[in-house]
Amino acid sequence: MGRGDKPNVTVIGGGTGMPVLLRGLKNLPIELTALVTVADDGGSTGRLRNEMAIPAPGDIRNVIAALSDAEPMLLDLFQHRFNARNGLSGHSMGNLLLAAMTSITGNFFTGIKEISRVLNVKGNIYPISNQSLSLHAKMEDDTVVSGESNIPLANKKIKRVFLSPEPVQPLPHAVESVENADLVVIAPGSLYTSILPNMIIPQMDEALARTKGKVVYVCNVMTQAGETTEYTAADHIQAIRNHTGETCIDSIVVHNEPISPHIRDVYAEENATPVVYDTDRLIDMGLEIIEGDIINPSKTTLRHDKEKVAKLLYSIIDRE
C-alpha cells in the first residue's frame, strides 16, 4: 500500500485515452502514478524533439493538465496552442514550458517534477524513459516504417514495434512504480503507437510480470485504421503478449453496451468499427473479463466516461 495505507495505482499509456482515465482516478483515495510514452514525433512535439533533443513533451503535457488542480485560466494558458503564422505557430505553451524547464534543470524528468509542483498536480508523472526515443514498426511484408506519426499512415499490418537508439534505458522510478503497484492499468489508446511503446521498454515487461498487483487492460471500444483494423479484443491482447510475454495482463475491461448507428457511421468514415469482444477466446487466454457500460453518451465521439471507469477500477482494488 502507498502512504497512509492508500492503494498504489499505476496507469500506463499516452494519447487521448490516458488523460480521461486519470481525470476520473485523481480524486479517489489512492496513490496515483502515470507512466507516459515519450516516442511521439508529430506537430509541436516533433519540432521540439528535433531542435532541442529532448523526449517528446506532448503526451506528458496532457497528463499534467489532467492531474492538475490549478486555476482554470492557468490550465488554459498551459494548453494554449499558438496559431499565428510565425515561428510559434502550432506550438503549445505547455510544450514550450516543458522544453524550457528541461533546459533550466538539465533534465527532462526534473523539469516535469517542477512544472507538476507549480500546477499542483495530484500524483506522480514519470516519462517511461528520460531519453529521446524513436518508434519503428516492422510490417507483415517486412518493411520498416520509422516515426510514431508515420506508422498508421503506412496502412499496413503491423508485426511488431521497437525503439531506438539502443540501449533504451527505462526511468527507474517507472519500473519501481509498476513493481510496487496494487493495481496496474493499461489505458486505452493507439495500441502500437501509444500503449506498446511503454511496455516494450527494457525491464518493463519483467516488472509487469512480477508486480504484486493485478494488471488490467482497458480495451479500446473502436478499431483504429492503420493500427488495429479488424482487431478483436483478443487480438489486442495477443499483440501485447507478442511484445511482452504471456503473463503481463491479468484482466481486460470491455464496454458491453451497443454502439449507436449514428456513432458507427461517423467512425466508418475513418474505417473504424466497434471492437468485437470475442469472449470465448479471451477466456481461453486465461483472462478475467470485466464488463460494464463505460462510455460517455454525451460525447459526439466515443470517449470512455471518467467517472464510470474510475468507479469500475476502484471496485477491482476493493475486491482484491
C-alpha atoms as a PDB file:
ATOM      1  CA  MET A   1       0.000   0.000   0.000  1.00  0.00           C
ATOM      2  CA  GLY A   2       1.033   3.619  -0.509  1.00  0.00           C
ATOM      3  CA  ARG A   3       1.413   6.368   2.055  1.00  0.00           C
ATOM      4  CA  GLY A   4      -1.367   6.314   4.643  1.00  0.00           C
ATOM      5  CA  ASP A   5      -2.318   2.802   3.501  1.00  0.00           C
ATOM      6  CA  LYS A   6      -3.813   4.136   0.275  1.00  0.00           C
ATOM      7  CA  PRO A   7      -3.508   1.646  -2.600  1.00  0.00           C
ATOM      8  CA  ASN A   8      -0.865   2.354  -5.245  1.00  0.00           C
ATOM      9  CA  VAL A   9      -2.351   2.619  -8.744  1.00  0.00           C
ATOM     10  CA  THR A  10      -0.069   2.958 -11.778  1.00  0.00           C
ATOM     11  CA  VAL A  11      -1.537   3.900 -15.168  1.00  0.00           C
ATOM     12  CA  ILE A  12       0.446   3.271 -18.357  1.00  0.00           C
ATOM     13  CA  GLY A  13      -0.289   4.902 -21.701  1.00  0.00           C
ATOM     14  CA  GLY A  14      -0.398   8.052 -23.795  1.00  0.00           C
ATOM     15  CA  GLY A  15      -2.516   9.758 -26.423  1.00  0.00           C
ATOM     16  CA  THR A  16      -6.088  10.859 -25.732  1.00  0.00           C
ATOM     17  CA  GLY A  17      -7.328   7.855 -23.722  1.00  0.00           C
ATOM     18  CA  MET A  18      -4.995   8.148 -20.756  1.00  0.00           C
ATOM     19  CA  PRO A  19      -5.952  11.667 -19.558  1.00  0.00           C
ATOM     20  CA  VAL A  20      -9.631  10.644 -19.435  1.00  0.00           C
ATOM     21  CA  LEU A  21      -8.832   7.784 -17.045  1.00  0.00           C
ATOM     22  CA  LEU A  22      -6.584   9.988 -14.931  1.00  0.00           C
ATOM     23  CA  ARG A  23      -9.240  12.686 -14.520  1.00  0.00           C
ATOM     24  CA  GLY A  24     -11.534  10.075 -13.033  1.00  0.00           C
ATOM     25  CA  LEU A  25      -8.929   8.429 -10.824  1.00  0.00           C
ATOM     26  CA  LYS A  26      -7.242  11.517  -9.385  1.00  0.00           C
ATOM     27  CA  ASN A  27      -9.961  12.235  -6.802  1.00  0.00           C
ATOM     28  CA  LEU A  28     -10.105   8.692  -5.434  1.00  0.00           C
ATOM     29  CA  PRO A  29      -8.313   7.760  -2.178  1.00  0.00           C
ATOM     30  CA  ILE A  30      -5.304   6.261  -3.986  1.00  0.00           C
ATOM     31  CA  GLU A  31      -1.632   6.986  -4.595  1.00  0.00           C
ATOM     32  CA  LEU A  32      -1.691   7.600  -8.345  1.00  0.00           C
ATOM     33  CA  THR A  33       1.224   7.334 -10.780  1.00  0.00           C
ATOM     34  CA  ALA A  34       1.145   7.925 -14.538  1.00  0.00           C
ATOM     35  CA  LEU A  35       3.776   6.397 -16.836  1.00  0.00           C
ATOM     36  CA  VAL A  36       3.739   8.236 -20.145  1.00  0.00           C
ATOM     37  CA  THR A  37       5.144   7.482 -23.584  1.00  0.00           C
ATOM     38  CA  VAL A  38       7.868   9.770 -24.983  1.00  0.00           C
ATOM     39  CA  ALA A  39       8.023   8.419 -28.563  1.00  0.00           C
ATOM     40  CA  ASP A  40       5.584  10.892 -30.171  1.00  0.00           C
ATOM     41  CA  ASP A  41       7.105  12.805 -33.085  1.00  0.00           C
ATOM     42  CA  GLY A  42       4.261  14.817 -34.608  1.00  0.00           C
ATOM     43  CA  GLY A  43       3.483  18.547 -34.631  1.00  0.00           C
ATOM     44  CA  SER A  44       4.900  20.787 -31.911  1.00  0.00           C
ATOM     45  CA  THR A  45       6.293  17.773 -30.054  1.00  0.00           C
ATOM     46  CA  GLY A  46       8.277  16.606 -33.080  1.00  0.00           C
ATOM     47  CA  ARG A  47       9.725  20.044 -33.735  1.00  0.00           C
ATOM     48  CA  LEU A  48      10.892  20.460 -30.142  1.00  0.00           C
ATOM     49  CA  ARG A  49      12.357  16.951 -30.133  1.00  0.00           C
ATOM     50  CA  ASN A  50      14.380  17.667 -33.237  1.00  0.00           C
ATOM     51  CA  GLU A  51      15.517  21.149 -32.250  1.00  0.00           C
ATOM     52  CA  MET A  52      16.289  20.523 -28.570  1.00  0.00           C
ATOM     53  CA  ALA A  53      16.992  16.754 -28.476  1.00  0.00           C
ATOM     54  CA  ILE A  54      14.515  16.198 -25.626  1.00  0.00           C
ATOM     55  CA  PRO A  55      11.951  13.414 -25.068  1.00  0.00           C
ATOM     56  CA  ALA A  56       8.510  14.055 -26.551  1.00  0.00           C
ATOM     57  CA  PRO A  57       6.601  16.509 -24.298  1.00  0.00           C
ATOM     58  CA  GLY A  58       3.090  16.378 -25.834  1.00  0.00           C
ATOM     59  CA  ASP A  59       1.585  13.382 -24.018  1.00  0.00           C
ATOM     60  CA  ILE A  60       3.277  14.466 -20.784  1.00  0.00           C
ATOM     61  CA  ARG A  61       1.670  17.907 -21.171  1.00  0.00           C
ATOM     62  CA  ASN A  62      -1.817  16.416 -21.494  1.00  0.00           C
ATOM     63  CA  VAL A  63      -1.283  14.208 -18.439  1.00  0.00           C
ATOM     64  CA  ILE A  64      -0.088  17.200 -16.377  1.00  0.00           C
ATOM     65  CA  ALA A  65      -3.253  19.070 -17.397  1.00  0.00           C
ATOM     66  CA  ALA A  66      -5.430  16.071 -16.469  1.00  0.00           C
ATOM     67  CA  LEU A  67      -3.912  15.711 -12.995  1.00  0.00           C
ATOM     68  CA  SER A  68      -3.556  19.419 -12.204  1.00  0.00           C
ATOM     69  CA  ASP A  69      -5.720  21.220  -9.658  1.00  0.00           C
ATOM     70  CA  ALA A  70      -4.558  24.647 -10.837  1.00  0.00           C
ATOM     71  CA  GLU A  71      -6.907  27.517 -11.658  1.00  0.00           C
ATOM     72  CA  PRO A  72      -8.766  27.003 -14.968  1.00  0.00           C
ATOM     73  CA  MET A  73      -7.172  30.108 -16.522  1.00  0.00           C
ATOM     74  CA  LEU A  74      -3.697  28.784 -15.740  1.00  0.00           C
ATOM     75  CA  LEU A  75      -4.570  25.438 -17.333  1.00  0.00           C
ATOM     76  CA  ASP A  76      -5.987  27.216 -20.374  1.00  0.00           C
ATOM     77  CA  LEU A  77      -2.684  29.032 -20.676  1.00  0.00           C
ATOM     78  CA  PHE A  78      -0.744  25.775 -20.280  1.00  0.00           C
ATOM     79  CA  GLN A  79      -2.794  24.089 -23.031  1.00  0.00           C
ATOM     80  CA  HIS A  80      -2.889  27.142 -25.329  1.00  0.00           C
ATOM     81  CA  ARG A  81      -1.723  26.442 -28.878  1.00  0.00           C
ATOM     82  CA  PHE A  82      -0.363  29.311 -30.963  1.00  0.00           C
ATOM     83  CA  ASN A  83      -1.893  29.717 -34.415  1.00  0.00           C
ATOM     84  CA  ALA A  84      -0.086  32.876 -35.525  1.00  0.00           C
ATOM     85  CA  ARG A  85       1.792  32.353 -38.757  1.00  0.00           C
ATOM     86  CA  ASN A  86       5.272  32.687 -37.325  1.00  0.00           C
ATOM     87  CA  GLY A  87       7.874  30.575 -35.561  1.00  0.00           C
ATOM     88  CA  LEU A  88       5.466  29.792 -32.709  1.00  0.00           C
ATOM     89  CA  SER A  89       2.707  28.533 -34.998  1.00  0.00           C
ATOM     90  CA  GLY A  90       1.497  25.076 -33.907  1.00  0.00           C
ATOM     91  CA  HIS A  91       3.402  25.073 -30.617  1.00  0.00           C
ATOM     92  CA  SER A  92       1.503  24.684 -27.359  1.00  0.00           C
ATOM     93  CA  MET A  93       2.532  26.753 -24.358  1.00  0.00           C
ATOM     94  CA  GLY A  94       2.837  23.627 -22.221  1.00  0.00           C
ATOM     95  CA  ASN A  95       5.284  22.011 -24.644  1.00  0.00           C
ATOM     96  CA  LEU A  96       7.392  25.180 -24.639  1.00  0.00           C
ATOM     97  CA  LEU A  97       7.345  25.319 -20.832  1.00  0.00           C
ATOM     98  CA  LEU A  98       8.435  21.677 -20.584  1.00  0.00           C
ATOM     99  CA  ALA A  99      11.248  22.360 -23.044  1.00  0.00           C
ATOM    100  CA  ALA A 100      12.286  25.481 -21.120  1.00  0.00           C
ATOM    101  CA  MET A 101      12.222  23.717 -17.752  1.00  0.00           C
ATOM    102  CA  THR A 102      14.265  20.845 -19.198  1.00  0.00           C
ATOM    103  CA  SER A 103      16.821  23.405 -20.376  1.00  0.00           C
ATOM    104  CA  ILE A 104      16.874  25.144 -16.980  1.00  0.00           C
ATOM    105  CA  THR A 105      17.177  21.972 -14.883  1.00  0.00           C
ATOM    106  CA  GLY A 106      19.234  19.994 -17.403  1.00  0.00           C
ATOM    107  CA  ASN A 107      16.900  17.003 -17.049  1.00  0.00           C
ATOM    108  CA  PHE A 108      13.513  16.194 -18.612  1.00  0.00           C
ATOM    109  CA  PHE A 109      12.217  14.292 -15.579  1.00  0.00           C
ATOM    110  CA  THR A 110      13.262  17.092 -13.210  1.00  0.00           C
ATOM    111  CA  GLY A 111      11.533  19.592 -15.494  1.00  0.00           C
ATOM    112  CA  ILE A 112       8.300  17.566 -15.283  1.00  0.00           C
ATOM    113  CA  LYS A 113       8.522  17.476 -11.481  1.00  0.00           C
ATOM    114  CA  GLU A 114       8.984  21.257 -11.253  1.00  0.00           C
ATOM    115  CA  ILE A 115       6.071  22.059 -13.566  1.00  0.00           C
ATOM    116  CA  SER A 116       3.925  19.491 -11.730  1.00  0.00           C
ATOM    117  CA  ARG A 117       4.686  21.299  -8.471  1.00  0.00           C
ATOM    118  CA  VAL A 118       3.776  24.699  -9.935  1.00  0.00           C
ATOM    119  CA  LEU A 119       0.496  23.368 -11.385  1.00  0.00           C
ATOM    120  CA  ASN A 120      -0.444  21.460  -8.204  1.00  0.00           C
ATOM    121  CA  VAL A 121      -0.528  18.023  -9.840  1.00  0.00           C
ATOM    122  CA  LYS A 122      -2.126  15.202  -7.848  1.00  0.00           C
ATOM    123  CA  GLY A 123       0.021  12.084  -8.129  1.00  0.00           C
ATOM    124  CA  ASN A 124       3.311  11.282  -9.823  1.00  0.00           C
ATOM    125  CA  ILE A 125       4.076  11.670 -13.521  1.00  0.00           C
ATOM    126  CA  TYR A 126       7.010   9.702 -14.911  1.00  0.00           C
ATOM    127  CA  PRO A 127       8.205   9.618 -18.501  1.00  0.00           C
ATOM    128  CA  ILE A 128       8.771   5.984 -19.380  1.00  0.00           C
ATOM    129  CA  SER A 129      12.357   6.999 -20.216  1.00  0.00           C
ATOM    130  CA  ASN A 130      14.465  10.127 -19.869  1.00  0.00           C
ATOM    131  CA  GLN A 131      15.776   9.592 -23.414  1.00  0.00           C
ATOM    132  CA  SER A 132      14.534  10.976 -26.707  1.00  0.00           C
ATOM    133  CA  LEU A 133      13.248   7.770 -28.332  1.00  0.00           C
ATOM    134  CA  SER A 134      12.068   6.957 -31.841  1.00  0.00           C
ATOM    135  CA  LEU A 135       9.435   4.318 -32.600  1.00  0.00           C
ATOM    136  CA  HIS A 136       9.702   1.930 -35.555  1.00  0.00           C
ATOM    137  CA  ALA A 137       7.311  -0.700 -36.882  1.00  0.00           C
ATOM    138  CA  LYS A 138       8.183  -3.852 -38.789  1.00  0.00           C
ATOM    139  CA  MET A 139       5.270  -4.710 -41.038  1.00  0.00           C
ATOM    140  CA  GLU A 140       3.984  -8.108 -42.127  1.00  0.00           C
ATOM    141  CA  ASP A 141       5.681  -7.551 -45.504  1.00  0.00           C
ATOM    142  CA  ASP A 142       8.996  -6.997 -43.603  1.00  0.00           C
ATOM    143  CA  THR A 143       9.226  -3.302 -44.496  1.00  0.00           C
ATOM    144  CA  VAL A 144      10.128  -0.953 -41.623  1.00  0.00           C
ATOM    145  CA  VAL A 145       8.335   2.344 -41.030  1.00  0.00           C
ATOM    146  CA  SER A 146      10.007   4.858 -38.717  1.00  0.00           C
ATOM    147  CA  GLY A 147       8.300   7.552 -36.675  1.00  0.00           C
ATOM    148  CA  GLU A 148       5.228   7.290 -34.456  1.00  0.00           C
ATOM    149  CA  SER A 149       3.199   9.598 -36.690  1.00  0.00           C
ATOM    150  CA  ASN A 150       4.125   7.707 -39.875  1.00  0.00           C
ATOM    151  CA  ILE A 151       3.232   4.191 -38.723  1.00  0.00           C
ATOM    152  CA  PRO A 152      -0.584   4.424 -39.038  1.00  0.00           C
ATOM    153  CA  LEU A 153      -0.231   6.265 -42.362  1.00  0.00           C
ATOM    154  CA  ALA A 154       1.533   3.258 -43.901  1.00  0.00           C
ATOM    155  CA  ASN A 155      -1.796   1.401 -43.644  1.00  0.00           C
ATOM    156  CA  LYS A 156      -0.080  -1.981 -43.413  1.00  0.00           C
ATOM    157  CA  LYS A 157      -0.500  -4.823 -40.952  1.00  0.00           C
ATOM    158  CA  ILE A 158       1.998  -4.371 -38.122  1.00  0.00           C
ATOM    159  CA  LYS A 159       4.120  -7.309 -36.999  1.00  0.00           C
ATOM    160  CA  ARG A 160       5.972  -5.606 -34.145  1.00  0.00           C
ATOM    161  CA  VAL A 161       7.235  -2.251 -32.922  1.00  0.00           C
ATOM    162  CA  PHE A 162      10.628  -1.374 -31.468  1.00  0.00           C
ATOM    163  CA  LEU A 163      12.523   1.646 -30.141  1.00  0.00           C
ATOM    164  CA  SER A 164      15.822   3.338 -30.879  1.00  0.00           C
ATOM    165  CA  PRO A 165      18.503   4.354 -30.082  1.00  0.00           C
ATOM    166  CA  GLU A 166      19.708   1.327 -28.178  1.00  0.00           C
ATOM    167  CA  PRO A 167      20.345   0.645 -25.409  1.00  0.00           C
ATOM    168  CA  VAL A 168      16.991   2.039 -24.253  1.00  0.00           C
ATOM    169  CA  GLN A 169      17.120   2.993 -20.592  1.00  0.00           C
ATOM    170  CA  PRO A 170      13.897   2.941 -18.539  1.00  0.00           C
ATOM    171  CA  LEU A 171      13.340   5.544 -15.858  1.00  0.00           C
ATOM    172  CA  PRO A 172      13.982   3.591 -12.619  1.00  0.00           C
ATOM    173  CA  HIS A 173      11.020   5.300 -10.897  1.00  0.00           C
ATOM    174  CA  ALA A 174       8.748   3.986 -13.668  1.00  0.00           C
ATOM    175  CA  VAL A 175       9.861   0.383 -13.219  1.00  0.00           C
ATOM    176  CA  GLU A 176       9.563   0.621  -9.434  1.00  0.00           C
ATOM    177  CA  SER A 177       6.051   2.071  -9.632  1.00  0.00           C
ATOM    178  CA  VAL A 178       4.886  -0.987 -11.582  1.00  0.00           C
ATOM    179  CA  GLU A 179       6.597  -3.447  -9.258  1.00  0.00           C
ATOM    180  CA  ASN A 180       5.066  -1.811  -6.162  1.00  0.00           C
ATOM    181  CA  ALA A 181       1.574  -1.196  -7.533  1.00  0.00           C
ATOM    182  CA  ASP A 182      -1.581  -2.679  -6.063  1.00  0.00           C
ATOM    183  CA  LEU A 183      -3.219  -2.159  -9.460  1.00  0.00           C
ATOM    184  CA  VAL A 184      -1.637  -1.502 -12.858  1.00  0.00           C
ATOM    185  CA  VAL A 185      -3.941  -0.064 -15.524  1.00  0.00           C
ATOM    186  CA  ILE A 186      -3.061  -0.189 -19.221  1.00  0.00           C
ATOM    187  CA  ALA A 187      -5.013   2.778 -20.584  1.00  0.00           C
ATOM    188  CA  PRO A 188      -7.000   2.708 -23.816  1.00  0.00           C
ATOM    189  CA  GLY A 189      -5.335   4.352 -26.791  1.00  0.00           C
ATOM    190  CA  SER A 190      -3.476   3.655 -30.004  1.00  0.00           C
ATOM    191  CA  LEU A 191      -2.218   0.125 -29.405  1.00  0.00           C
ATOM    192  CA  TYR A 192       1.048   0.191 -31.329  1.00  0.00           C
ATOM    193  CA  THR A 193       1.953   3.886 -31.041  1.00  0.00           C
ATOM    194  CA  SER A 194       0.741   4.926 -27.553  1.00  0.00           C
ATOM    195  CA  ILE A 195       0.472   1.754 -25.437  1.00  0.00           C
ATOM    196  CA  LEU A 196       3.153  -0.676 -26.578  1.00  0.00           C
ATOM    197  CA  PRO A 197       5.999   1.902 -26.651  1.00  0.00           C
ATOM    198  CA  ASN A 198       5.720   1.937 -22.844  1.00  0.00           C
ATOM    199  CA  MET A 199       5.529  -1.822 -22.452  1.00  0.00           C
ATOM    200  CA  ILE A 200       8.499  -2.737 -24.677  1.00  0.00           C
ATOM    201  CA  ILE A 201      10.933  -0.641 -22.668  1.00  0.00           C
ATOM    202  CA  PRO A 202      13.597  -2.969 -21.204  1.00  0.00           C
ATOM    203  CA  GLN A 203      12.725  -4.166 -17.662  1.00  0.00           C
ATOM    204  CA  MET A 204       9.088  -3.065 -18.025  1.00  0.00           C
ATOM    205  CA  ASP A 205       7.871  -6.475 -19.246  1.00  0.00           C
ATOM    206  CA  GLU A 206       9.632  -8.110 -16.288  1.00  0.00           C
ATOM    207  CA  ALA A 207       8.118  -5.577 -13.876  1.00  0.00           C
ATOM    208  CA  LEU A 208       4.628  -6.231 -15.265  1.00  0.00           C
ATOM    209  CA  ALA A 209       5.127  -9.984 -14.905  1.00  0.00           C
ATOM    210  CA  ARG A 210       6.299  -9.846 -11.288  1.00  0.00           C
ATOM    211  CA  THR A 211       4.222  -6.957  -9.905  1.00  0.00           C
ATOM    212  CA  LYS A 212       2.238  -7.864  -6.811  1.00  0.00           C
ATOM    213  CA  GLY A 213      -0.810  -6.044  -8.195  1.00  0.00           C
ATOM    214  CA  LYS A 214      -3.330  -7.048 -10.846  1.00  0.00           C
ATOM    215  CA  VAL A 215      -2.624  -5.772 -14.370  1.00  0.00           C
ATOM    216  CA  VAL A 216      -5.805  -4.615 -16.123  1.00  0.00           C
ATOM    217  CA  TYR A 217      -6.095  -3.580 -19.764  1.00  0.00           C
ATOM    218  CA  VAL A 218      -8.923  -1.144 -20.577  1.00  0.00           C
ATOM    219  CA  CYS A 219      -9.684  -2.217 -24.128  1.00  0.00           C
ATOM    220  CA  ASN A 220     -10.410   0.224 -26.938  1.00  0.00           C
ATOM    221  CA  VAL A 221     -14.048   0.461 -27.979  1.00  0.00           C
ATOM    222  CA  MET A 222     -13.303   1.093 -31.664  1.00  0.00           C
ATOM    223  CA  THR A 223     -10.630  -0.204 -34.027  1.00  0.00           C
ATOM    224  CA  GLN A 224      -8.105   2.256 -35.462  1.00  0.00           C
ATOM    225  CA  ALA A 225      -7.329   2.392 -39.164  1.00  0.00           C
ATOM    226  CA  GLY A 226      -3.661   1.716 -39.885  1.00  0.00           C
ATOM    227  CA  GLU A 227      -3.088   0.059 -36.494  1.00  0.00           C
ATOM    228  CA  THR A 228      -5.854  -2.304 -35.422  1.00  0.00           C
ATOM    229  CA  THR A 229      -8.129  -2.699 -38.443  1.00  0.00           C
ATOM    230  CA  GLU A 230     -10.483  -5.664 -37.853  1.00  0.00           C
ATOM    231  CA  TYR A 231      -8.858  -6.401 -34.465  1.00  0.00           C
ATOM    232  CA  THR A 232     -10.986  -8.129 -31.851  1.00  0.00           C
ATOM    233  CA  ALA A 233     -10.389  -7.683 -28.119  1.00  0.00           C
ATOM    234  CA  ALA A 234      -8.341 -10.901 -28.086  1.00  0.00           C
ATOM    235  CA  ASP A 235      -6.260  -9.598 -30.999  1.00  0.00           C
ATOM    236  CA  HIS A 236      -5.359  -6.553 -28.881  1.00  0.00           C
ATOM    237  CA  ILE A 237      -4.269  -8.840 -26.039  1.00  0.00           C
ATOM    238  CA  GLN A 238      -2.322 -11.109 -28.396  1.00  0.00           C
ATOM    239  CA  ALA A 239      -0.422  -8.115 -29.808  1.00  0.00           C
ATOM    240  CA  ILE A 240       0.572  -7.123 -26.265  1.00  0.00           C
ATOM    241  CA  ARG A 241       1.612 -10.707 -25.467  1.00  0.00           C
ATOM    242  CA  ASN A 242       3.672 -10.916 -28.655  1.00  0.00           C
ATOM    243  CA  HIS A 243       5.707  -7.982 -27.392  1.00  0.00           C
ATOM    244  CA  THR A 244       5.812  -8.602 -23.643  1.00  0.00           C
ATOM    245  CA  GLY A 245       5.140 -12.272 -22.959  1.00  0.00           C
ATOM    246  CA  GLU A 246       2.160 -14.330 -21.839  1.00  0.00           C
ATOM    247  CA  THR A 247       1.916 -13.234 -18.209  1.00  0.00           C
ATOM    248  CA  CYS A 248       1.705  -9.437 -18.340  1.00  0.00           C
ATOM    249  CA  ILE A 249      -2.085  -8.962 -18.463  1.00  0.00           C
ATOM    250  CA  ASP A 250      -4.466 -10.470 -15.885  1.00  0.00           C
ATOM    251  CA  SER A 251      -7.782  -8.828 -16.784  1.00  0.00           C
ATOM    252  CA  ILE A 252      -9.491  -6.927 -19.580  1.00  0.00           C
ATOM    253  CA  VAL A 253     -12.158  -4.235 -19.196  1.00  0.00           C
ATOM    254  CA  VAL A 254     -14.689  -4.110 -22.044  1.00  0.00           C
ATOM    255  CA  HIS A 255     -17.685  -1.921 -22.855  1.00  0.00           C
ATOM    256  CA  ASN A 256     -20.765  -4.127 -23.037  1.00  0.00           C
ATOM    257  CA  GLU A 257     -23.425  -1.795 -24.469  1.00  0.00           C
ATOM    258  CA  PRO A 258     -24.307  -1.395 -28.178  1.00  0.00           C
ATOM    259  CA  ILE A 259     -22.785   1.485 -30.145  1.00  0.00           C
ATOM    260  CA  SER A 260     -25.430   3.721 -31.732  1.00  0.00           C
ATOM    261  CA  PRO A 261     -25.804   3.574 -35.541  1.00  0.00           C
ATOM    262  CA  HIS A 262     -25.026   7.307 -35.775  1.00  0.00           C
ATOM    263  CA  ILE A 263     -21.687   6.874 -33.981  1.00  0.00           C
ATOM    264  CA  ARG A 264     -20.897   3.800 -36.097  1.00  0.00           C
ATOM    265  CA  ASP A 265     -21.489   5.848 -39.260  1.00  0.00           C
ATOM    266  CA  VAL A 266     -19.173   8.631 -38.069  1.00  0.00           C
ATOM    267  CA  TYR A 267     -16.368   6.166 -37.372  1.00  0.00           C
ATOM    268  CA  ALA A 268     -16.994   4.216 -40.581  1.00  0.00           C
ATOM    269  CA  GLU A 269     -15.770   7.282 -42.456  1.00  0.00           C
ATOM    270  CA  GLU A 270     -12.416   6.698 -40.733  1.00  0.00           C
ATOM    271  CA  ASN A 271     -12.522   2.945 -41.481  1.00  0.00           C
ATOM    272  CA  ALA A 272     -13.078   2.223 -37.795  1.00  0.00           C
ATOM    273  CA  THR A 273     -15.564  -0.295 -36.412  1.00  0.00           C
ATOM    274  CA  PRO A 274     -16.590  -1.444 -32.902  1.00  0.00           C
ATOM    275  CA  VAL A 275     -14.108  -3.861 -31.342  1.00  0.00           C
ATOM    276  CA  VAL A 276     -15.657  -7.323 -31.177  1.00  0.00           C
ATOM    277  CA  TYR A 277     -15.387  -8.863 -27.712  1.00  0.00           C
ATOM    278  CA  ASP A 278     -14.647 -12.493 -28.526  1.00  0.00           C
ATOM    279  CA  THR A 279     -15.387 -13.735 -25.028  1.00  0.00           C
ATOM    280  CA  ASP A 280     -14.590 -17.428 -25.554  1.00  0.00           C
ATOM    281  CA  ARG A 281     -11.148 -16.658 -26.912  1.00  0.00           C
ATOM    282  CA  LEU A 282     -10.425 -14.235 -24.047  1.00  0.00           C
ATOM    283  CA  ILE A 283     -11.411 -16.930 -21.546  1.00  0.00           C
ATOM    284  CA  ASP A 284      -9.199 -19.457 -23.348  1.00  0.00           C
ATOM    285  CA  MET A 285      -6.343 -16.969 -22.936  1.00  0.00           C
ATOM    286  CA  GLY A 286      -6.868 -17.166 -19.175  1.00  0.00           C
ATOM    287  CA  LEU A 287      -8.113 -13.607 -18.785  1.00  0.00           C
ATOM    288  CA  GLU A 288     -10.641 -12.269 -16.318  1.00  0.00           C
ATOM    289  CA  ILE A 289     -13.256 -10.276 -18.274  1.00  0.00           C
ATOM    290  CA  ILE A 290     -14.683  -7.197 -16.554  1.00  0.00           C
ATOM    291  CA  GLU A 291     -17.716  -5.828 -18.391  1.00  0.00           C
ATOM    292  CA  GLY A 292     -19.501  -2.532 -17.932  1.00  0.00           C
ATOM    293  CA  ASP A 293     -21.139   0.459 -19.550  1.00  0.00           C
ATOM    294  CA  ILE A 294     -18.059   2.692 -19.568  1.00  0.00           C
ATOM    295  CA  ILE A 295     -18.748   5.130 -22.416  1.00  0.00           C
ATOM    296  CA  ASN A 296     -19.826   8.760 -22.062  1.00  0.00           C
ATOM    297  CA  PRO A 297     -23.034   9.012 -24.134  1.00  0.00           C
ATOM    298  CA  SER A 298     -22.991  12.824 -24.199  1.00  0.00           C
ATOM    299  CA  LYS A 299     -19.918  12.956 -26.460  1.00  0.00           C
ATOM    300  CA  THR A 300     -20.204  13.076 -30.255  1.00  0.00           C
ATOM    301  CA  THR A 301     -17.109  10.875 -30.463  1.00  0.00           C
ATOM    302  CA  LEU A 302     -16.603   7.751 -28.381  1.00  0.00           C
ATOM    303  CA  ARG A 303     -14.829   8.518 -25.145  1.00  0.00           C
ATOM    304  CA  HIS A 304     -14.551   6.471 -22.002  1.00  0.00           C
ATOM    305  CA  ASP A 305     -16.528   8.009 -19.138  1.00  0.00           C
ATOM    306  CA  LYS A 306     -14.024   9.098 -16.494  1.00  0.00           C
ATOM    307  CA  GLU A 307     -16.367   8.510 -13.556  1.00  0.00           C
ATOM    308  CA  LYS A 308     -17.662   5.137 -14.748  1.00  0.00           C
ATOM    309  CA  VAL A 309     -14.186   3.764 -15.478  1.00  0.00           C
ATOM    310  CA  ALA A 310     -12.749   5.095 -12.219  1.00  0.00           C
ATOM    311  CA  LYS A 311     -15.572   3.506 -10.227  1.00  0.00           C
ATOM    312  CA  LEU A 312     -15.096   0.184 -12.006  1.00  0.00           C
ATOM    313  CA  LEU A 313     -11.322   0.183 -11.494  1.00  0.00           C
ATOM    314  CA  TYR A 314     -11.669   1.136  -7.836  1.00  0.00           C
ATOM    315  CA  SER A 315     -14.070  -1.768  -7.340  1.00  0.00           C
ATOM    316  CA  ILE A 316     -11.252  -4.069  -8.513  1.00  0.00           C
ATOM    317  CA  ILE A 317      -8.975  -2.678  -5.772  1.00  0.00           C
ATOM    318  CA  ASP A 318     -11.745  -3.111  -3.185  1.00  0.00           C
ATOM    319  CA  ARG A 319     -12.288  -6.706  -4.295  1.00  0.00           C
ATOM    320  CA  GLU A 320      -8.605  -7.528  -4.160  1.00  0.00           C
END
